[in-house]
Amino acid sequence: MRKLALTAALHAYLRHHAYTILSVCCAFGIFAAVFSLYSLPLEAVVYACVLTAACFMVIGGIRFAAFTNKHRELVRMRERIALNVDAFPPAENIIEEDYQALIAILDENRRHILSETDRLRTDTADYYSLWAHQIKTPIAAVGLLLQSEVDSESKREISRQLLRIEQYVDMVLGYLRIESPSSDLVIAEYPLDDIVRQAVRKLSKLFIHSKTKLELAENLGTVLTDEKWLCFVIEQLLTNAVKYAPGGTISICMEDSETLVIRDTGIGIAPEDLPRVFEKGYTGYNGRTGQKSTGIGLYLCKKVLDKLSHTIRLASRPGVGTTVRIGFHVTKL
């Protein structure tokens, strides 16, 4: 590999100095013609050419070594993630100085654009985070008002829609937080039963309204994770299961000591959609046929679990149901 790189550098060096080499050859030709016109001995011509060629080869070798070192240094700079234009090798002529000056201007413009983009992204994230927190107050107030009134079918429907609104708000907050460079992760060992029950309690009205049966295993064990983010993932997965398995059965259990399984008896997912279910904005056939899916839920689940060093696998058969497996083996103590 190094020999190939050296050969490539030699070819580049020869191309770069093609006019110099051509000038030297012309000089040899002129010398030979002049010596021939004056009928000087051939040995003198050859001797002069050999000495001249030797001088040019020594100088060219020194210059080629400097050329190769500069090339390697530039390649190392190119391979580094952060490029510091101040670390460029010293310019050898005014043309290289001009190129370095242009690169410095472009780098300054790039830094300015990145800084402005980061500022705008931060401002947008701060605004939507504030909006999401503020809108939770009227949502909670409406929920309390509904609880104080006599129960009826219309109020149950309003309560269900209110839960959906709250879920969408949580999804916005989750999206903003997980995309930020510093997610508020608190990694510790937590009882998995408590996390799952938190999600089930929050979605209890959704289970009741859809008449979906829940089978929850006991003693799910403990996992090394972030409680809030894992609860968010389980809520998203259970919401999807209820949405696509109304009146069916959802079971939650541990397949082994390191894999949480959420299985439903819903309509399933088409085989051609399975490879893309974790893509951002991808809804699939079921999401486009009356369910009004956003295509964000599973994408966020994958992003969150990647940050937690957990795994997620999804298997499904149309008309039979869907099985989601969350693996904790990467961070299990």
C-alpha atoms as a PDB file:
ATOM      1  CA  MET A   1       0.000   0.000   0.000  1.00  0.00           C
ATOM      2  CA  ARG A   2       2.812   2.388   0.904  1.00  0.00           C
ATOM      3  CA  LYS A   3       4.620   1.512  -2.357  1.00  0.00           C
ATOM      4  CA  LEU A   4       1.487   2.322  -4.349  1.00  0.00           C
ATOM      5  CA  ALA A   5       1.113   5.634  -2.504  1.00  0.00           C
ATOM      6  CA  LEU A   6       4.757   6.473  -3.213  1.00  0.00           C
ATOM      7  CA  THR A   7       4.299   5.614  -6.909  1.00  0.00           C
ATOM      8  CA  ALA A   8       1.218   7.813  -7.098  1.00  0.00           C
ATOM      9  CA  ALA A   9       3.114  10.657  -5.428  1.00  0.00           C
ATOM     10  CA  LEU A  10       6.002  10.221  -7.921  1.00  0.00           C
ATOM     11  CA  HIS A  11       3.603  10.403 -10.878  1.00  0.00           C
ATOM     12  CA  ALA A  12       1.982  13.511  -9.414  1.00  0.00           C
ATOM     13  CA  TYR A  13       5.395  15.092  -8.821  1.00  0.00           C
ATOM     14  CA  LEU A  14       6.528  14.375 -12.404  1.00  0.00           C
ATOM     15  CA  ARG A  15       3.294  15.812 -13.814  1.00  0.00           C
ATOM     16  CA  HIS A  16       3.669  18.885 -11.635  1.00  0.00           C
ATOM     17  CA  HIS A  17       7.246  19.471 -12.886  1.00  0.00           C
ATOM     18  CA  ALA A  18       6.659  18.406 -16.495  1.00  0.00           C
ATOM     19  CA  TYR A  19       7.685  21.824 -17.854  1.00  0.00           C
ATOM     20  CA  THR A  20      10.902  21.803 -15.785  1.00  0.00           C
ATOM     21  CA  ILE A  21      11.814  18.336 -17.072  1.00  0.00           C
ATOM     22  CA  LEU A  22      11.047  19.448 -20.637  1.00  0.00           C
ATOM     23  CA  SER A  23      13.260  22.517 -20.138  1.00  0.00           C
ATOM     24  CA  VAL A  24      16.145  20.347 -18.907  1.00  0.00           C
ATOM     25  CA  CYS A  25      15.797  18.063 -21.929  1.00  0.00           C
ATOM     26  CA  CYS A  26      15.839  21.096 -24.222  1.00  0.00           C
ATOM     27  CA  ALA A  27      18.962  22.345 -22.446  1.00  0.00           C
ATOM     28  CA  PHE A  28      20.654  18.974 -23.030  1.00  0.00           C
ATOM     29  CA  GLY A  29      19.706  19.215 -26.705  1.00  0.00           C
ATOM     30  CA  ILE A  30      21.141  22.731 -26.992  1.00  0.00           C
ATOM     31  CA  PHE A  31      24.359  21.664 -25.305  1.00  0.00           C
ATOM     32  CA  ALA A  32      24.679  18.678 -27.636  1.00  0.00           C
ATOM     33  CA  ALA A  33      24.043  20.857 -30.715  1.00  0.00           C
ATOM     34  CA  VAL A  34      26.575  23.510 -29.652  1.00  0.00           C
ATOM     35  CA  PHE A  35      29.227  20.916 -28.802  1.00  0.00           C
ATOM     36  CA  SER A  36      28.593  19.222 -32.151  1.00  0.00           C
ATOM     37  CA  LEU A  37      28.908  22.505 -34.096  1.00  0.00           C
ATOM     38  CA  TYR A  38      32.275  23.177 -32.497  1.00  0.00           C
ATOM     39  CA  SER A  39      33.370  19.577 -33.111  1.00  0.00           C
ATOM     40  CA  LEU A  40      34.170  19.008 -29.454  1.00  0.00           C
ATOM     41  CA  PRO A  41      34.909  15.451 -28.296  1.00  0.00           C
ATOM     42  CA  LEU A  42      31.857  13.258 -27.532  1.00  0.00           C
ATOM     43  CA  GLU A  43      33.252  12.437 -24.097  1.00  0.00           C
ATOM     44  CA  ALA A  44      33.022  16.098 -23.101  1.00  0.00           C
ATOM     45  CA  VAL A  45      29.360  16.250 -24.192  1.00  0.00           C
ATOM     46  CA  VAL A  46      28.458  13.073 -22.299  1.00  0.00           C
ATOM     47  CA  TYR A  47      30.386  14.177 -19.222  1.00  0.00           C
ATOM     48  CA  ALA A  48      28.625  17.554 -19.139  1.00  0.00           C
ATOM     49  CA  CYS A  49      25.215  15.918 -19.593  1.00  0.00           C
ATOM     50  CA  VAL A  50      25.892  13.352 -16.838  1.00  0.00           C
ATOM     51  CA  LEU A  51      27.017  16.028 -14.382  1.00  0.00           C
ATOM     52  CA  THR A  52      24.008  18.198 -15.190  1.00  0.00           C
ATOM     53  CA  ALA A  53      21.619  15.230 -14.903  1.00  0.00           C
ATOM     54  CA  ALA A  54      23.188  14.221 -11.577  1.00  0.00           C
ATOM     55  CA  CYS A  55      22.725  17.737 -10.194  1.00  0.00           C
ATOM     56  CA  PHE A  56      19.113  17.846 -11.337  1.00  0.00           C
ATOM     57  CA  MET A  57      18.445  14.357  -9.877  1.00  0.00           C
ATOM     58  CA  VAL A  58      19.890  15.331  -6.475  1.00  0.00           C
ATOM     59  CA  ILE A  59      17.903  18.564  -6.393  1.00  0.00           C
ATOM     60  CA  GLY A  60      14.821  16.755  -7.725  1.00  0.00           C
ATOM     61  CA  GLY A  61      15.164  14.029  -5.060  1.00  0.00           C
ATOM     62  CA  ILE A  62      15.317  16.617  -2.300  1.00  0.00           C
ATOM     63  CA  ARG A  63      12.339  18.425  -3.756  1.00  0.00           C
ATOM     64  CA  PHE A  64      10.424  15.124  -4.176  1.00  0.00           C
ATOM     65  CA  ALA A  65      11.005  14.240  -0.514  1.00  0.00           C
ATOM     66  CA  ALA A  66       9.619  17.635   0.526  1.00  0.00           C
ATOM     67  CA  PHE A  67       6.708  17.183  -1.899  1.00  0.00           C
ATOM     68  CA  THR A  68       5.908  13.724  -0.469  1.00  0.00           C
ATOM     69  CA  ASN A  69       6.062  14.948   3.142  1.00  0.00           C
ATOM     70  CA  LYS A  70       3.724  17.813   2.368  1.00  0.00           C
ATOM     71  CA  HIS A  71       1.342  15.444   0.574  1.00  0.00           C
ATOM     72  CA  ARG A  72       1.241  13.088   3.565  1.00  0.00           C
ATOM     73  CA  GLU A  73       0.679  15.960   5.960  1.00  0.00           C
ATOM     74  CA  LEU A  74      -2.227  17.234   3.868  1.00  0.00           C
ATOM     75  CA  VAL A  75      -3.716  13.718   3.700  1.00  0.00           C
ATOM     76  CA  ARG A  76      -3.533  13.461   7.508  1.00  0.00           C
ATOM     77  CA  MET A  77      -5.247  16.830   7.822  1.00  0.00           C
ATOM     78  CA  ARG A  78      -7.966  15.701   5.398  1.00  0.00           C
ATOM     79  CA  GLU A  79      -8.613  12.549   7.404  1.00  0.00           C
ATOM     80  CA  ARG A  80      -8.994  14.421  10.677  1.00  0.00           C
ATOM     81  CA  ILE A  81     -12.565  15.329  11.662  1.00  0.00           C
ATOM     82  CA  ALA A  82     -11.801  18.918  12.633  1.00  0.00           C
ATOM     83  CA  LEU A  83      -9.707  20.830  10.126  1.00  0.00           C
ATOM     84  CA  ASN A  84      -7.649  23.703  11.442  1.00  0.00           C
ATOM     85  CA  VAL A  85      -6.500  25.848   8.559  1.00  0.00           C
ATOM     86  CA  ASP A  86      -3.694  27.257  10.715  1.00  0.00           C
ATOM     87  CA  ALA A  87      -2.050  23.819  10.617  1.00  0.00           C
ATOM     88  CA  PHE A  88      -1.375  23.949   6.871  1.00  0.00           C
ATOM     89  CA  PRO A  89       2.238  23.319   5.824  1.00  0.00           C
ATOM     90  CA  PRO A  90       4.134  26.522   5.020  1.00  0.00           C
ATOM     91  CA  ALA A  91       3.425  27.841   1.539  1.00  0.00           C
ATOM     92  CA  GLU A  92       6.323  27.564  -0.871  1.00  0.00           C
ATOM     93  CA  ASN A  93       5.204  30.205  -3.336  1.00  0.00           C
ATOM     94  CA  ILE A  94       2.662  32.938  -3.833  1.00  0.00           C
ATOM     95  CA  ILE A  95       0.169  30.617  -5.556  1.00  0.00           C
ATOM     96  CA  GLU A  96       0.044  28.310  -2.518  1.00  0.00           C
ATOM     97  CA  GLU A  97      -0.358  31.377  -0.309  1.00  0.00           C
ATOM     98  CA  ASP A  98      -3.328  32.444  -2.431  1.00  0.00           C
ATOM     99  CA  TYR A  99      -4.941  28.996  -2.134  1.00  0.00           C
ATOM    100  CA  GLN A 100      -4.445  28.933   1.620  1.00  0.00           C
ATOM    101  CA  ALA A 101      -5.942  32.417   1.925  1.00  0.00           C
ATOM    102  CA  LEU A 102      -9.003  31.308  -0.074  1.00  0.00           C
ATOM    103  CA  ILE A 103      -9.385  28.204   2.093  1.00  0.00           C
ATOM    104  CA  ALA A 104      -9.128  30.340   5.233  1.00  0.00           C
ATOM    105  CA  ILE A 105     -11.932  32.608   3.969  1.00  0.00           C
ATOM    106  CA  LEU A 106     -14.115  29.591   3.112  1.00  0.00           C
ATOM    107  CA  ASP A 107     -13.413  28.071   6.526  1.00  0.00           C
ATOM    108  CA  GLU A 108     -14.401  31.294   8.255  1.00  0.00           C
ATOM    109  CA  ASN A 109     -17.644  31.418   6.273  1.00  0.00           C
ATOM    110  CA  ARG A 110     -18.304  27.766   7.119  1.00  0.00           C
ATOM    111  CA  ARG A 111     -17.799  28.398  10.828  1.00  0.00           C
ATOM    112  CA  HIS A 112     -20.119  31.394  10.682  1.00  0.00           C
ATOM    113  CA  ILE A 113     -22.841  29.372   8.929  1.00  0.00           C
ATOM    114  CA  LEU A 114     -22.484  26.507  11.420  1.00  0.00           C
ATOM    115  CA  SER A 115     -22.651  28.908  14.341  1.00  0.00           C
ATOM    116  CA  GLU A 116     -25.752  30.592  12.948  1.00  0.00           C
ATOM    117  CA  THR A 117     -27.385  27.235  12.203  1.00  0.00           C
ATOM    118  CA  ASP A 118     -26.675  25.993  15.726  1.00  0.00           C
ATOM    119  CA  ARG A 119     -28.122  29.177  17.176  1.00  0.00           C
ATOM    120  CA  LEU A 120     -31.297  28.880  15.113  1.00  0.00           C
ATOM    121  CA  ARG A 121     -31.636  25.188  15.996  1.00  0.00           C
ATOM    122  CA  THR A 122     -31.207  25.972  19.688  1.00  0.00           C
ATOM    123  CA  ASP A 123     -33.737  28.799  19.537  1.00  0.00           C
ATOM    124  CA  THR A 124     -36.253  26.554  17.773  1.00  0.00           C
ATOM    125  CA  ALA A 125     -35.729  23.712  20.238  1.00  0.00           C
ATOM    126  CA  ASP A 126     -36.085  26.104  23.198  1.00  0.00           C
ATOM    127  CA  TYR A 127     -39.291  27.539  21.766  1.00  0.00           C
ATOM    128  CA  TYR A 128     -40.950  24.180  21.133  1.00  0.00           C
ATOM    129  CA  SER A 129     -39.810  22.835  24.497  1.00  0.00           C
ATOM    130  CA  LEU A 130     -41.379  25.851  26.201  1.00  0.00           C
ATOM    131  CA  TRP A 131     -44.536  25.427  24.085  1.00  0.00           C
ATOM    132  CA  ALA A 132     -44.785  21.737  24.952  1.00  0.00           C
ATOM    133  CA  HIS A 133     -44.431  22.432  28.674  1.00  0.00           C
ATOM    134  CA  GLN A 134     -46.948  25.287  28.565  1.00  0.00           C
ATOM    135  CA  ILE A 135     -49.579  23.340  26.642  1.00  0.00           C
ATOM    136  CA  LYS A 136     -49.490  20.599  29.259  1.00  0.00           C
ATOM    137  CA  THR A 137     -51.119  22.956  31.750  1.00  0.00           C
ATOM    138  CA  PRO A 138     -54.440  23.353  29.864  1.00  0.00           C
ATOM    139  CA  ILE A 139     -54.354  19.649  29.021  1.00  0.00           C
ATOM    140  CA  ALA A 140     -54.115  18.790  32.716  1.00  0.00           C
ATOM    141  CA  ALA A 141     -56.868  21.311  33.521  1.00  0.00           C
ATOM    142  CA  VAL A 142     -59.221  19.804  30.942  1.00  0.00           C
ATOM    143  CA  GLY A 143     -58.471  16.353  32.333  1.00  0.00           C
ATOM    144  CA  LEU A 144     -59.423  17.469  35.849  1.00  0.00           C
ATOM    145  CA  LEU A 145     -62.651  19.037  34.573  1.00  0.00           C
ATOM    146  CA  LEU A 146     -63.596  15.816  32.823  1.00  0.00           C
ATOM    147  CA  GLN A 147     -63.006  13.805  36.006  1.00  0.00           C
ATOM    148  CA  SER A 148     -65.279  16.090  38.016  1.00  0.00           C
ATOM    149  CA  GLU A 149     -68.239  15.651  35.673  1.00  0.00           C
ATOM    150  CA  VAL A 150     -70.633  12.738  35.365  1.00  0.00           C
ATOM    151  CA  ASP A 151     -69.205  10.061  33.108  1.00  0.00           C
ATOM    152  CA  SER A 152     -70.678   9.660  29.657  1.00  0.00           C
ATOM    153  CA  GLU A 153     -69.650   8.255  26.297  1.00  0.00           C
ATOM    154  CA  SER A 154     -68.838  11.693  24.885  1.00  0.00           C
ATOM    155  CA  LYS A 155     -66.679  12.551  27.896  1.00  0.00           C
ATOM    156  CA  ARG A 156     -64.848   9.247  27.561  1.00  0.00           C
ATOM    157  CA  GLU A 157     -64.151  10.092  23.923  1.00  0.00           C
ATOM    158  CA  ILE A 158     -62.910  13.555  24.897  1.00  0.00           C
ATOM    159  CA  SER A 159     -60.692  11.959  27.532  1.00  0.00           C
ATOM    160  CA  ARG A 160     -59.266   9.553  24.947  1.00  0.00           C
ATOM    161  CA  GLN A 161     -58.531  12.366  22.506  1.00  0.00           C
ATOM    162  CA  LEU A 162     -56.955  14.361  25.323  1.00  0.00           C
ATOM    163  CA  LEU A 163     -54.639  11.434  25.994  1.00  0.00           C
ATOM    164  CA  ARG A 164     -53.665  11.392  22.322  1.00  0.00           C
ATOM    165  CA  ILE A 165     -52.877  15.117  22.453  1.00  0.00           C
ATOM    166  CA  GLU A 166     -50.703  14.564  25.515  1.00  0.00           C
ATOM    167  CA  GLN A 167     -48.899  11.738  23.725  1.00  0.00           C
ATOM    168  CA  TYR A 168     -48.207  13.964  20.733  1.00  0.00           C
ATOM    169  CA  VAL A 169     -46.822  16.642  23.048  1.00  0.00           C
ATOM    170  CA  ASP A 170     -44.581  14.075  24.742  1.00  0.00           C
ATOM    171  CA  MET A 171     -43.459  12.948  21.291  1.00  0.00           C
ATOM    172  CA  VAL A 172     -42.471  16.524  20.394  1.00  0.00           C
ATOM    173  CA  LEU A 173     -40.487  16.832  23.620  1.00  0.00           C
ATOM    174  CA  GLY A 174     -38.878  13.457  23.043  1.00  0.00           C
ATOM    175  CA  TYR A 175     -37.944  14.385  19.483  1.00  0.00           C
ATOM    176  CA  LEU A 176     -36.365  17.675  20.538  1.00  0.00           C
ATOM    177  CA  ARG A 177     -34.468  16.166  23.440  1.00  0.00           C
ATOM    178  CA  ILE A 178     -33.150  13.084  21.710  1.00  0.00           C
ATOM    179  CA  GLU A 179     -31.902  15.138  18.725  1.00  0.00           C
ATOM    180  CA  SER A 180     -30.005  17.516  21.003  1.00  0.00           C
ATOM    181  CA  PRO A 181     -26.277  16.872  21.566  1.00  0.00           C
ATOM    182  CA  SER A 182     -26.789  16.482  25.339  1.00  0.00           C
ATOM    183  CA  SER A 183     -29.746  14.246  26.201  1.00  0.00           C
ATOM    184  CA  ASP A 184     -30.626  14.184  29.900  1.00  0.00           C
ATOM    185  CA  LEU A 185     -29.714  10.545  30.486  1.00  0.00           C
ATOM    186  CA  VAL A 186     -29.593   9.160  34.030  1.00  0.00           C
ATOM    187  CA  ILE A 187     -28.186   5.645  33.745  1.00  0.00           C
ATOM    188  CA  ALA A 188     -28.804   3.339  36.716  1.00  0.00           C
ATOM    189  CA  GLU A 189     -30.321  -0.024  37.583  1.00  0.00           C
ATOM    190  CA  TYR A 190     -34.146   0.103  37.645  1.00  0.00           C
ATOM    191  CA  PRO A 191     -36.826  -2.552  38.224  1.00  0.00           C
ATOM    192  CA  LEU A 192     -38.316  -3.215  34.802  1.00  0.00           C
ATOM    193  CA  ASP A 193     -41.708  -4.016  36.375  1.00  0.00           C
ATOM    194  CA  ASP A 194     -42.000  -0.422  37.676  1.00  0.00           C
ATOM    195  CA  ILE A 195     -41.131   1.102  34.300  1.00  0.00           C
ATOM    196  CA  VAL A 196     -43.618  -1.075  32.412  1.00  0.00           C
ATOM    197  CA  ARG A 197     -46.393  -0.377  34.950  1.00  0.00           C
ATOM    198  CA  GLN A 198     -45.789   3.370  34.629  1.00  0.00           C
ATOM    199  CA  ALA A 199     -46.445   3.134  30.896  1.00  0.00           C
ATOM    200  CA  VAL A 200     -49.474   0.843  31.356  1.00  0.00           C
ATOM    201  CA  ARG A 201     -51.050   3.139  33.953  1.00  0.00           C
ATOM    202  CA  LYS A 202     -50.649   6.145  31.695  1.00  0.00           C
ATOM    203  CA  LEU A 203     -52.323   4.284  28.813  1.00  0.00           C
ATOM    204  CA  SER A 204     -55.001   2.567  30.937  1.00  0.00           C
ATOM    205  CA  LYS A 205     -57.845   4.613  29.430  1.00  0.00           C
ATOM    206  CA  LEU A 206     -56.615   3.713  25.965  1.00  0.00           C
ATOM    207  CA  PHE A 207     -56.709   0.001  26.842  1.00  0.00           C
ATOM    208  CA  ILE A 208     -60.205   0.311  28.323  1.00  0.00           C
ATOM    209  CA  HIS A 209     -61.671   2.291  25.428  1.00  0.00           C
ATOM    210  CA  SER A 210     -60.257  -0.077  22.793  1.00  0.00           C
ATOM    211  CA  LYS A 211     -61.226  -3.151  24.878  1.00  0.00           C
ATOM    212  CA  THR A 212     -57.700  -4.480  24.511  1.00  0.00           C
ATOM    213  CA  LYS A 213     -56.620  -7.207  26.906  1.00  0.00           C
ATOM    214  CA  LEU A 214     -53.241  -6.909  28.621  1.00  0.00           C
ATOM    215  CA  GLU A 215     -51.205  -9.873  29.809  1.00  0.00           C
ATOM    216  CA  LEU A 216     -48.355  -8.657  31.998  1.00  0.00           C
ATOM    217  CA  ALA A 217     -45.803 -11.099  33.362  1.00  0.00           C
ATOM    218  CA  GLU A 218     -44.380 -10.711  36.862  1.00  0.00           C
ATOM    219  CA  ASN A 219     -40.769 -10.337  37.973  1.00  0.00           C
ATOM    220  CA  LEU A 220     -39.339  -8.794  34.813  1.00  0.00           C
ATOM    221  CA  GLY A 221     -36.075  -8.196  36.623  1.00  0.00           C
ATOM    222  CA  THR A 222     -33.797  -5.145  36.713  1.00  0.00           C
ATOM    223  CA  VAL A 223     -32.018  -3.430  33.850  1.00  0.00           C
ATOM    224  CA  LEU A 224     -29.301  -0.826  33.503  1.00  0.00           C
ATOM    225  CA  THR A 225     -31.010   1.989  31.627  1.00  0.00           C
ATOM    226  CA  ASP A 226     -32.574   5.446  31.848  1.00  0.00           C
ATOM    227  CA  GLU A 227     -36.005   5.118  33.471  1.00  0.00           C
ATOM    228  CA  LYS A 228     -37.682   8.082  31.798  1.00  0.00           C
ATOM    229  CA  TRP A 229     -36.479   7.306  28.270  1.00  0.00           C
ATOM    230  CA  LEU A 230     -37.214   3.581  28.480  1.00  0.00           C
ATOM    231  CA  CYS A 231     -40.704   4.370  29.765  1.00  0.00           C
ATOM    232  CA  PHE A 232     -41.145   6.695  26.788  1.00  0.00           C
ATOM    233  CA  VAL A 233     -40.168   3.874  24.401  1.00  0.00           C
ATOM    234  CA  ILE A 234     -42.535   1.374  26.029  1.00  0.00           C
ATOM    235  CA  GLU A 235     -45.376   3.923  25.870  1.00  0.00           C
ATOM    236  CA  GLN A 236     -44.787   4.380  22.143  1.00  0.00           C
ATOM    237  CA  LEU A 237     -44.706   0.642  21.511  1.00  0.00           C
ATOM    238  CA  LEU A 238     -47.847  -0.003  23.570  1.00  0.00           C
ATOM    239  CA  THR A 239     -49.666   2.865  21.845  1.00  0.00           C
ATOM    240  CA  ASN A 240     -48.831   1.344  18.463  1.00  0.00           C
ATOM    241  CA  ALA A 241     -49.947  -2.081  19.671  1.00  0.00           C
ATOM    242  CA  VAL A 242     -53.299  -0.760  20.905  1.00  0.00           C
ATOM    243  CA  LYS A 243     -53.807   1.264  17.735  1.00  0.00           C
ATOM    244  CA  TYR A 244     -53.339  -1.730  15.460  1.00  0.00           C
ATOM    245  CA  ALA A 245     -54.834  -4.397  17.765  1.00  0.00           C
ATOM    246  CA  PRO A 246     -58.127  -2.978  19.121  1.00  0.00           C
ATOM    247  CA  GLY A 247     -60.067  -5.651  20.959  1.00  0.00           C
ATOM    248  CA  GLY A 248     -57.066  -7.986  20.774  1.00  0.00           C
ATOM    249  CA  THR A 249     -54.431  -9.039  23.298  1.00  0.00           C
ATOM    250  CA  ILE A 250     -51.110  -7.468  24.207  1.00  0.00           C
ATOM    251  CA  SER A 251     -48.626  -9.490  26.239  1.00  0.00           C
ATOM    252  CA  ILE A 252     -45.483  -8.229  27.955  1.00  0.00           C
ATOM    253  CA  CYS A 253     -42.879 -10.657  29.238  1.00  0.00           C
ATOM    254  CA  MET A 254     -39.160 -11.447  29.363  1.00  0.00           C
ATOM    255  CA  GLU A 255     -38.034 -13.902  26.695  1.00  0.00           C
ATOM    256  CA  ASP A 256     -34.818 -14.373  28.623  1.00  0.00           C
ATOM    257  CA  SER A 257     -33.121 -12.407  31.341  1.00  0.00           C
ATOM    258  CA  GLU A 258     -32.026  -9.718  28.872  1.00  0.00           C
ATOM    259  CA  THR A 259     -34.872  -9.335  26.352  1.00  0.00           C
ATOM    260  CA  LEU A 260     -38.218  -7.629  26.929  1.00  0.00           C
ATOM    261  CA  VAL A 261     -40.954  -8.849  24.556  1.00  0.00           C
ATOM    262  CA  ILE A 262     -44.089  -6.892  23.644  1.00  0.00           C
ATOM    263  CA  ARG A 263     -46.410  -9.011  21.508  1.00  0.00           C
ATOM    264  CA  ASP A 264     -49.830  -8.118  20.078  1.00  0.00           C
ATOM    265  CA  THR A 265     -52.492  -9.924  18.077  1.00  0.00           C
ATOM    266  CA  GLY A 266     -53.144  -7.033  15.713  1.00  0.00           C
ATOM    267  CA  ILE A 267     -53.280  -6.648  11.959  1.00  0.00           C
ATOM    268  CA  GLY A 268     -49.511  -7.027  11.606  1.00  0.00           C
ATOM    269  CA  ILE A 269     -47.096  -5.325   9.224  1.00  0.00           C
ATOM    270  CA  ALA A 270     -46.646  -6.057   5.527  1.00  0.00           C
ATOM    271  CA  PRO A 271     -43.346  -7.868   4.757  1.00  0.00           C
ATOM    272  CA  GLU A 272     -42.224  -5.128   2.369  1.00  0.00           C
ATOM    273  CA  ASP A 273     -42.646  -2.527   5.147  1.00  0.00           C
ATOM    274  CA  LEU A 274     -40.635  -4.336   7.834  1.00  0.00           C
ATOM    275  CA  PRO A 275     -37.141  -3.233   6.695  1.00  0.00           C
ATOM    276  CA  ARG A 276     -38.180   0.429   6.811  1.00  0.00           C
ATOM    277  CA  VAL A 277     -40.343   0.710   9.948  1.00  0.00           C
ATOM    278  CA  PHE A 278     -37.603   2.551  11.875  1.00  0.00           C
ATOM    279  CA  GLU A 279     -37.051   5.159   9.172  1.00  0.00           C
ATOM    280  CA  LYS A 280     -38.014   8.722   9.991  1.00  0.00           C
ATOM    281  CA  GLY A 281     -41.460   9.580   8.587  1.00  0.00           C
ATOM    282  CA  TYR A 282     -42.102   6.130   7.087  1.00  0.00           C
ATOM    283  CA  THR A 283     -45.688   5.032   7.774  1.00  0.00           C
ATOM    284  CA  GLY A 284     -46.071   1.873   5.703  1.00  0.00           C
ATOM    285  CA  TYR A 285     -49.270   0.474   4.258  1.00  0.00           C
ATOM    286  CA  ASN A 286     -51.189   0.268   7.565  1.00  0.00           C
ATOM    287  CA  GLY A 287     -50.198   3.787   8.561  1.00  0.00           C
ATOM    288  CA  ARG A 288     -51.566   5.153   5.279  1.00  0.00           C
ATOM    289  CA  THR A 289     -54.930   3.371   5.441  1.00  0.00           C
ATOM    290  CA  GLY A 290     -56.977   5.342   7.918  1.00  0.00           C
ATOM    291  CA  GLN A 291     -54.644   5.255  10.931  1.00  0.00           C
ATOM    292  CA  LYS A 292     -53.055   8.657  10.279  1.00  0.00           C
ATOM    293  CA  SER A 293     -49.640   7.524  11.482  1.00  0.00           C
ATOM    294  CA  THR A 294     -46.885  10.126  11.777  1.00  0.00           C
ATOM    295  CA  GLY A 295     -44.023   7.720  11.122  1.00  0.00           C
ATOM    296  CA  ILE A 296     -42.091   9.233  14.060  1.00  0.00           C
ATOM    297  CA  GLY A 297     -42.864   6.869  16.948  1.00  0.00           C
ATOM    298  CA  LEU A 298     -40.721   3.868  15.949  1.00  0.00           C
ATOM    299  CA  TYR A 299     -38.017   6.194  14.649  1.00  0.00           C
ATOM    300  CA  LEU A 300     -37.784   7.822  18.082  1.00  0.00           C
ATOM    301  CA  CYS A 301     -37.801   4.419  19.777  1.00  0.00           C
ATOM    302  CA  LYS A 302     -34.815   3.336  17.705  1.00  0.00           C
ATOM    303  CA  LYS A 303     -32.956   6.606  18.359  1.00  0.00           C
ATOM    304  CA  VAL A 304     -33.571   6.406  22.112  1.00  0.00           C
ATOM    305  CA  LEU A 305     -32.562   2.751  22.384  1.00  0.00           C
ATOM    306  CA  ASP A 306     -29.421   3.407  20.332  1.00  0.00           C
ATOM    307  CA  LYS A 307     -28.458   6.147  22.791  1.00  0.00           C
ATOM    308  CA  LEU A 308     -29.076   3.729  25.667  1.00  0.00           C
ATOM    309  CA  SER A 309     -27.022   1.009  23.913  1.00  0.00           C
ATOM    310  CA  HIS A 310     -30.096  -1.232  23.830  1.00  0.00           C
ATOM    311  CA  THR A 311     -31.321  -3.077  20.757  1.00  0.00           C
ATOM    312  CA  ILE A 312     -34.747  -3.354  19.175  1.00  0.00           C
ATOM    313  CA  ARG A 313     -35.992  -6.017  16.772  1.00  0.00           C
ATOM    314  CA  LEU A 314     -39.406  -6.264  15.193  1.00  0.00           C
ATOM    315  CA  ALA A 315     -41.104  -9.314  13.659  1.00  0.00           C
ATOM    316  CA  SER A 316     -44.609  -9.376  12.224  1.00  0.00           C
ATOM    317  CA  ARG A 317     -47.061 -11.385  10.144  1.00  0.00           C
ATOM    318  CA  PRO A 318     -50.103  -9.758   8.534  1.00  0.00           C
ATOM    319  CA  GLY A 319     -53.294 -10.879  10.258  1.00  0.00           C
ATOM    320  CA  VAL A 320     -51.373 -12.577  13.086  1.00  0.00           C
ATOM    321  CA  GLY A 321     -49.670  -9.785  14.997  1.00  0.00           C
ATOM    322  CA  THR A 322     -46.389  -8.051  15.783  1.00  0.00           C
ATOM    323  CA  THR A 323     -43.612  -8.877  18.223  1.00  0.00           C
ATOM    324  CA  VAL A 324     -41.091  -6.298  19.431  1.00  0.00           C
ATOM    325  CA  ARG A 325     -37.974  -7.357  21.324  1.00  0.00           C
ATOM    326  CA  ILE A 326     -35.885  -4.890  23.316  1.00  0.00           C
ATOM    327  CA  GLY A 327     -32.438  -6.241  24.190  1.00  0.00           C
ATOM    328  CA  PHE A 328     -30.605  -5.018  27.290  1.00  0.00           C
ATOM    329  CA  HIS A 329     -27.590  -7.304  26.960  1.00  0.00           C
ATOM    330  CA  VAL A 330     -25.250  -4.476  25.885  1.00  0.00           C
ATOM    331  CA  THR A 331     -25.558  -2.542  29.142  1.00  0.00           C
ATOM    332  CA  LYS A 332     -26.602  -5.316  31.513  1.00  0.00           C
ATOM    333  CA  LEU A 333     -24.405  -5.508  34.629  1.00  0.00           C
END
